[in-house]
Protein backbone atom coordinates (compact mmCIF):
# COMPACT_ATOMS: atom_id res chain seq x y z
CA MET A 1 243.73 -167.27 -0.52
CA SER A 2 241.41 -166.44 -3.34
CA ARG A 3 242.93 -165.75 -6.92
CA ARG A 4 241.89 -162.04 -6.65
CA SER A 5 243.85 -161.49 -3.23
CA ARG A 6 246.95 -162.99 -5.10
CA HIS A 7 246.53 -160.65 -7.71
CA ARG A 8 246.16 -157.55 -5.36
CA ASP A 9 249.75 -158.89 -3.85
CA VAL A 10 251.31 -158.20 -7.27
CA HIS A 11 251.87 -154.53 -7.08
CA CYS A 12 255.12 -152.30 -7.05
CA ARG A 13 256.93 -149.85 -8.34
CA GLY A 14 259.56 -150.15 -11.81
CA ARG A 15 262.93 -150.43 -10.93
CA GLY A 16 265.80 -148.21 -12.50
CA ASP A 17 264.26 -145.64 -15.40
CA TYR A 18 260.84 -146.76 -14.46
CA HIS A 19 260.98 -145.99 -10.84
CA VAL A 20 258.16 -144.10 -11.10
CA VAL A 21 255.74 -146.41 -13.03
CA ARG A 22 253.41 -148.13 -10.84
CA TYR A 23 251.96 -151.33 -11.82
CA SER A 24 249.35 -154.08 -10.61
CA ALA A 25 247.95 -157.25 -11.46
CA LEU A 26 244.58 -155.58 -10.96
CA ASN A 27 244.70 -152.91 -13.45
CA PRO A 28 243.03 -153.72 -16.80
CA GLN A 29 245.30 -152.34 -18.74
CA THR A 30 247.88 -154.80 -17.97
CA TRP A 31 245.83 -157.29 -19.02
CA ILE A 32 245.19 -155.59 -22.48
CA TRP A 33 248.89 -155.22 -23.02
CA VAL A 34 249.03 -159.28 -21.99
CA GLY A 35 246.33 -159.90 -25.26
CA VAL A 36 248.46 -157.64 -27.25
CA SER A 37 251.64 -159.35 -27.17
CA GLY A 38 249.28 -162.60 -27.22
CA MET A 39 248.40 -160.95 -30.47
CA PHE A 40 252.30 -161.13 -31.85
CA VAL A 41 252.74 -164.48 -30.91
CA ALA A 42 249.70 -165.76 -33.11
CA LEU A 43 250.65 -163.69 -36.09
CA ASN A 44 254.08 -164.54 -36.07
CA THR A 45 253.73 -168.03 -35.56
CA PHE A 46 250.43 -168.68 -38.28
CA PRO A 47 252.96 -169.21 -41.02
CA TYR A 48 254.76 -172.10 -39.23
CA CYS A 49 251.67 -173.82 -37.98
CA THR A 50 249.96 -173.50 -42.12
CA GLY A 51 252.80 -173.11 -44.14
CA THR A 52 250.94 -169.68 -45.08
CA VAL A 53 252.71 -166.64 -45.23
CA LEU A 54 250.39 -163.84 -44.79
CA ARG A 55 250.43 -161.06 -47.58
CA PRO A 56 250.28 -157.43 -46.12
CA GLU A 57 246.64 -157.06 -47.03
CA GLU A 58 246.44 -160.24 -44.73
CA ARG A 59 247.98 -159.10 -42.30
CA GLU A 60 246.34 -156.02 -41.81
CA ALA A 61 242.75 -158.06 -41.73
CA ALA A 62 244.34 -160.25 -38.89
CA TYR A 63 244.87 -156.57 -36.58
CA GLN A 64 241.62 -155.75 -37.36
CA MET A 65 240.13 -159.23 -36.59
CA LEU A 66 242.46 -159.63 -33.51
CA PRO A 67 240.94 -157.39 -30.86
CA PRO A 68 237.55 -159.09 -30.75
CA ILE A 69 238.69 -162.18 -30.73
CA TRP A 70 240.92 -161.40 -27.11
CA TRP A 71 239.00 -159.16 -25.23
CA GLN A 72 235.46 -157.81 -26.78
CA PRO A 73 232.15 -160.10 -26.49
CA ALA A 74 230.93 -162.29 -29.10
CA ALA A 75 228.81 -160.93 -31.53
CA GLU A 76 224.88 -161.19 -31.65
CA PRO A 77 223.12 -163.89 -33.45
CA LEU A 78 222.06 -164.09 -36.92
CA VAL A 79 218.87 -165.49 -37.96
CA SER A 80 217.39 -165.04 -41.19
CA GLN A 81 214.02 -166.01 -42.43
CA GLY A 82 213.41 -168.91 -44.59
CA ASP A 83 212.18 -168.89 -48.46
CA SER A 84 209.18 -170.16 -49.86
CA ALA A 85 210.79 -174.04 -49.47
CA GLY A 86 209.74 -173.41 -45.41
CA VAL A 87 212.98 -173.00 -44.68
CA ARG A 88 214.21 -171.32 -40.99
CA ARG A 89 218.08 -170.64 -40.73
CA GLY A 90 219.56 -169.38 -37.35
CA GLY A 91 223.25 -170.22 -37.83
CA VAL A 92 226.43 -168.00 -37.36
CA GLY A 93 227.39 -165.99 -34.36
CA GLY A 94 225.35 -166.22 -30.66
CA SER A 95 225.70 -165.47 -27.34
CA PRO A 96 229.09 -165.83 -25.64
CA ALA A 97 227.21 -168.43 -23.82
CA ALA A 98 225.80 -170.23 -26.61
CA LYS A 99 229.14 -170.44 -28.14
CA GLY A 100 231.18 -170.99 -25.44
CA VAL A 101 233.23 -167.38 -25.86
CA ALA A 102 233.34 -165.30 -22.73
CA ALA A 103 234.43 -161.80 -22.87
CA GLY A 104 237.86 -161.55 -21.90
CA SER A 105 238.49 -165.49 -23.23
CA VAL A 106 240.00 -166.50 -26.15
CA CYS A 107 238.71 -170.04 -25.50
CA ARG A 108 235.82 -170.86 -27.95
CA MET A 109 233.71 -173.68 -29.41
CA ALA A 110 233.14 -174.41 -32.92
CA THR A 111 230.53 -171.86 -35.23
CA PRO A 112 226.98 -173.59 -34.64
CA LEU A 113 224.93 -174.75 -37.66
CA ALA A 114 220.96 -174.92 -37.32
CA TYR A 115 218.40 -175.14 -40.04
CA THR A 116 214.98 -176.61 -40.12
CA ALA A 117 213.27 -177.59 -43.85
CA THR A 118 209.38 -178.15 -44.06
CA TYR A 119 208.37 -180.24 -46.83
CA SER A 120 205.19 -180.24 -48.51
CA HIS A 121 204.94 -183.78 -48.55
CA SER A 122 204.59 -186.64 -46.14
CA ALA A 123 207.65 -188.04 -44.17
CA ASP A 124 207.37 -191.87 -46.32
CA ALA A 125 207.39 -189.63 -49.53
CA LEU A 126 210.70 -187.62 -48.25
CA ARG A 127 212.20 -191.24 -47.20
CA ALA A 128 211.32 -192.93 -50.73
CA ALA A 129 212.71 -189.80 -52.34
CA LEU A 130 215.99 -190.22 -50.09
CA ALA A 131 216.09 -193.92 -50.93
CA ASP A 132 216.05 -193.62 -54.79
CA GLU A 133 219.34 -193.45 -56.67
CA GLN A 134 218.02 -191.05 -59.40
CA TYR A 135 217.10 -188.21 -56.78
CA TRP A 136 220.72 -188.18 -55.82
CA LYS A 137 221.97 -187.94 -59.59
CA ASP A 138 218.97 -185.45 -60.22
CA ARG A 139 220.11 -183.25 -57.31
CA ILE A 140 223.81 -183.39 -57.80
CA GLU A 141 223.23 -182.57 -61.48
CA GLU A 142 220.52 -179.74 -60.82
CA VAL A 143 222.07 -177.90 -57.60
CA GLY A 144 225.06 -179.60 -56.85
CA GLY A 145 227.38 -177.18 -58.41
CA ALA A 146 230.14 -177.37 -61.57
CA ASP A 147 232.32 -180.73 -60.81
CA ALA A 148 229.99 -182.16 -58.36
CA GLN A 149 230.06 -186.15 -58.27
CA LEU A 150 228.04 -188.84 -56.37
CA VAL A 151 230.97 -190.66 -55.32
CA GLU A 152 228.76 -193.79 -53.09
CA PHE A 153 225.13 -194.42 -52.67
CA ASP A 154 224.24 -197.59 -50.32
CA ALA A 155 220.64 -198.12 -49.68
CA ALA A 156 220.00 -200.98 -47.14
CA GLU A 157 216.99 -202.41 -45.95
CA ASP A 158 217.18 -199.94 -42.74
CA ARG A 159 220.18 -197.78 -43.49
CA LEU A 160 220.90 -195.04 -46.66
CA HIS A 161 224.57 -194.08 -46.75
CA VAL A 162 225.46 -191.36 -49.64
CA ARG A 163 228.88 -189.45 -50.50
CA MET A 164 229.52 -186.78 -52.58
CA VAL A 165 232.29 -184.32 -53.63
CA GLN A 166 231.13 -181.10 -54.77
CA THR A 167 233.66 -177.46 -55.43
CA VAL A 168 233.03 -173.73 -54.58
CA PRO A 169 234.98 -171.43 -56.49
CA ALA A 170 237.04 -169.01 -55.30
CA ALA A 171 235.15 -166.21 -56.67
CA GLU A 172 231.86 -167.22 -54.87
CA LEU A 173 233.65 -167.26 -51.76
CA PRO A 174 234.22 -164.59 -49.12
CA SER A 175 237.68 -163.19 -48.54
CA ALA A 176 237.66 -164.60 -45.29
CA ILE A 177 238.67 -168.21 -47.07
CA THR A 178 240.15 -167.22 -49.80
CA ALA A 179 243.02 -166.00 -48.48
CA VAL A 180 243.53 -169.05 -46.79
CA ARG A 181 242.25 -171.21 -49.95
CA PRO A 182 242.74 -168.58 -52.88
CA GLU A 183 242.17 -171.86 -55.35
CA GLY A 184 238.18 -172.46 -54.45
CA LEU A 185 237.04 -175.57 -52.08
CA VAL A 186 236.66 -179.08 -53.06
CA ILE A 187 234.15 -180.53 -50.38
CA THR A 188 233.24 -184.04 -49.34
CA ARG A 189 230.04 -184.37 -47.90
CA SER A 190 228.28 -187.92 -46.19
CA GLU A 191 225.17 -188.28 -45.35
CA THR A 192 223.82 -191.39 -43.58
CA TYR A 193 220.13 -191.65 -42.42
CA THR A 194 217.74 -194.32 -40.93
CA ARG A 195 214.15 -194.02 -40.72
CA GLU A 196 213.97 -191.29 -37.53
CA GLY A 197 216.82 -189.24 -39.58
CA GLY A 198 220.54 -189.15 -40.18
CA SER A 199 223.89 -187.78 -39.20
CA PHE A 200 226.00 -185.83 -41.86
CA GLU A 201 230.05 -184.74 -42.02
CA ALA A 202 231.72 -182.57 -44.46
CA ARG A 203 235.42 -181.96 -44.81
CA VAL A 204 237.20 -179.53 -46.97
CA GLU A 205 240.30 -180.51 -49.10
CA GLY A 206 243.64 -179.35 -47.65
CA VAL A 207 242.45 -177.07 -44.96
CA PRO A 208 241.74 -178.26 -41.44
CA ALA A 209 237.64 -177.97 -41.55
CA GLN A 210 235.01 -179.88 -41.20
CA VAL A 211 231.29 -179.57 -40.28
CA SER A 212 229.37 -182.15 -39.03
CA GLY A 213 225.60 -182.81 -37.23
CA THR A 214 222.54 -184.44 -36.94
CA VAL A 215 218.86 -184.67 -38.90
CA ARG A 216 216.24 -185.20 -37.20
CA LEU A 217 212.68 -186.32 -38.90
CA THR A 218 209.26 -185.13 -37.77
CA GLU A 219 206.14 -185.49 -39.73
CA SER A 220 202.91 -184.63 -39.69
CA ASP A 221 199.64 -186.33 -42.03
CA THR A 222 200.64 -184.11 -44.76
CA ALA A 223 204.38 -182.37 -43.97
CA ALA A 224 207.65 -183.78 -43.00
CA GLU A 225 210.50 -181.46 -41.55
CA ALA A 226 213.72 -181.81 -41.20
CA VAL A 227 215.73 -180.45 -38.35
CA VAL A 228 219.78 -180.14 -38.41
CA ALA A 229 221.48 -179.52 -35.69
CA GLY A 230 225.89 -179.21 -36.14
CA ALA A 231 228.65 -177.03 -35.66
CA ALA A 232 231.59 -175.98 -38.14
CA GLU A 233 234.99 -176.23 -36.63
CA VAL A 234 238.17 -174.46 -38.74
CA GLY A 235 241.62 -175.16 -37.08
CA ILE A 236 243.45 -172.50 -38.22
CA PRO A 237 244.92 -169.61 -36.05
CA LEU A 238 243.74 -166.05 -36.67
CA PHE A 239 241.25 -167.12 -39.16
CA GLY A 240 239.42 -169.53 -37.88
CA ARG A 241 236.15 -168.28 -36.57
CA LYS A 242 235.60 -166.02 -39.55
CA ILE A 243 236.29 -168.94 -41.83
CA GLU A 244 233.57 -170.93 -39.70
CA ALA A 245 230.94 -168.16 -40.35
CA ALA A 246 231.65 -167.93 -44.06
CA ILE A 247 231.23 -172.17 -44.03
CA VAL A 248 228.00 -171.92 -42.46
CA THR A 249 226.48 -169.06 -44.27
CA ARG A 250 227.46 -170.95 -47.51
CA LEU A 251 226.08 -174.58 -46.33
CA LEU A 252 223.18 -172.41 -45.01
CA ASP A 253 222.83 -171.28 -48.89
CA MET A 254 223.37 -174.75 -50.06
CA LEU A 255 220.89 -176.41 -47.90
CA ALA A 256 217.92 -173.94 -48.71
CA THR A 257 218.76 -174.72 -52.06
CA GLU A 258 218.43 -178.47 -51.96
CA ALA A 259 215.45 -178.19 -49.53
CA GLU A 260 213.60 -176.19 -52.41
CA PHE A 261 214.94 -178.70 -55.16
CA THR A 262 213.81 -182.41 -53.13
CA ASP A 263 210.46 -180.46 -52.55
CA THR A 264 209.79 -180.14 -56.21
CA TRP A 265 211.63 -183.38 -57.30
CA ILE A 266 208.57 -184.99 -54.97
CA THR A 267 206.29 -183.66 -56.65
CA ASP A 268 207.08 -184.24 -60.07
CA HIS A 269 207.92 -188.00 -59.14
C-alpha cells in the first residue's frame, strides 16, 4: 500500500463540539499546522540547547525566518564577480538540489563555499610564497585584522601546515551573527598544502560552527589558479542557515583580500 493511500485513509469528522469539522491527512493546511507546531518546538527548545535566551526582537526575527525554512523553497544562488585579483565567487544559496533542501523539507546540507583566484604568476612562484614563513607573517600583519596571530608554521619538504587565529569585531558582523555572538568572533584557521593543492579548516570559538574544504592548484606557463571548494556548517537551531550564509560571505571577502595581497607580495619579492 502506498504512502499516499495510507494518508487518504486518515479522514473523518471531529468529535463533540468539533463534529462539524472535517479533516484529512491529504489537506495541505494540515501539514502547514504541523510545521507551525514544529516552529514552537524549535523556539522553546532553543534556550535549552544553546544557553541563549532570545530577546523580543530576536524572537520576532526567528518568526520571520522560520517560514522559508519549514515550507518554502530555497533561495536562488548568489554569484558575484571577482575584482582585479581575478577572483570568481559563488557562495551563498543555491538550488534546493544543490543545497540538499527540498521544498517542504527541514533537512538540509551545509552552505557551500566556492572560490577561485587567478594569480598573475606561475604555480612555482605561488608555491614558493606559501613555503616562506615571512609571507604568512606579512599577510597576517597586512590583512589579518586586529589581534591576528600566526600560531604555527611547519614547512617540510613535501608538506606545509599553517595555523592562525583571527578576530572579527562585532561591528563588522551582520545581525544574524551578533544575535548569537554579540562580542564578535575568534576564528582559528588551519591550512595544509602539498604540491598539487591542499585542505583548510576554520573553527569559531564558542560557537558550533566550522568551515572546511579543499584547494586545487592548476597552472599554465605564466599563471596559477587556486580553486577552493568547501562548506560552512553551524549547529544552532533556528539561526544556523543565516549564520552559515553570513560566515561564507565574510570568508569570500577575506579570501579575495588575501588573494590580492598574495599576488602583490609575489610581485614585490
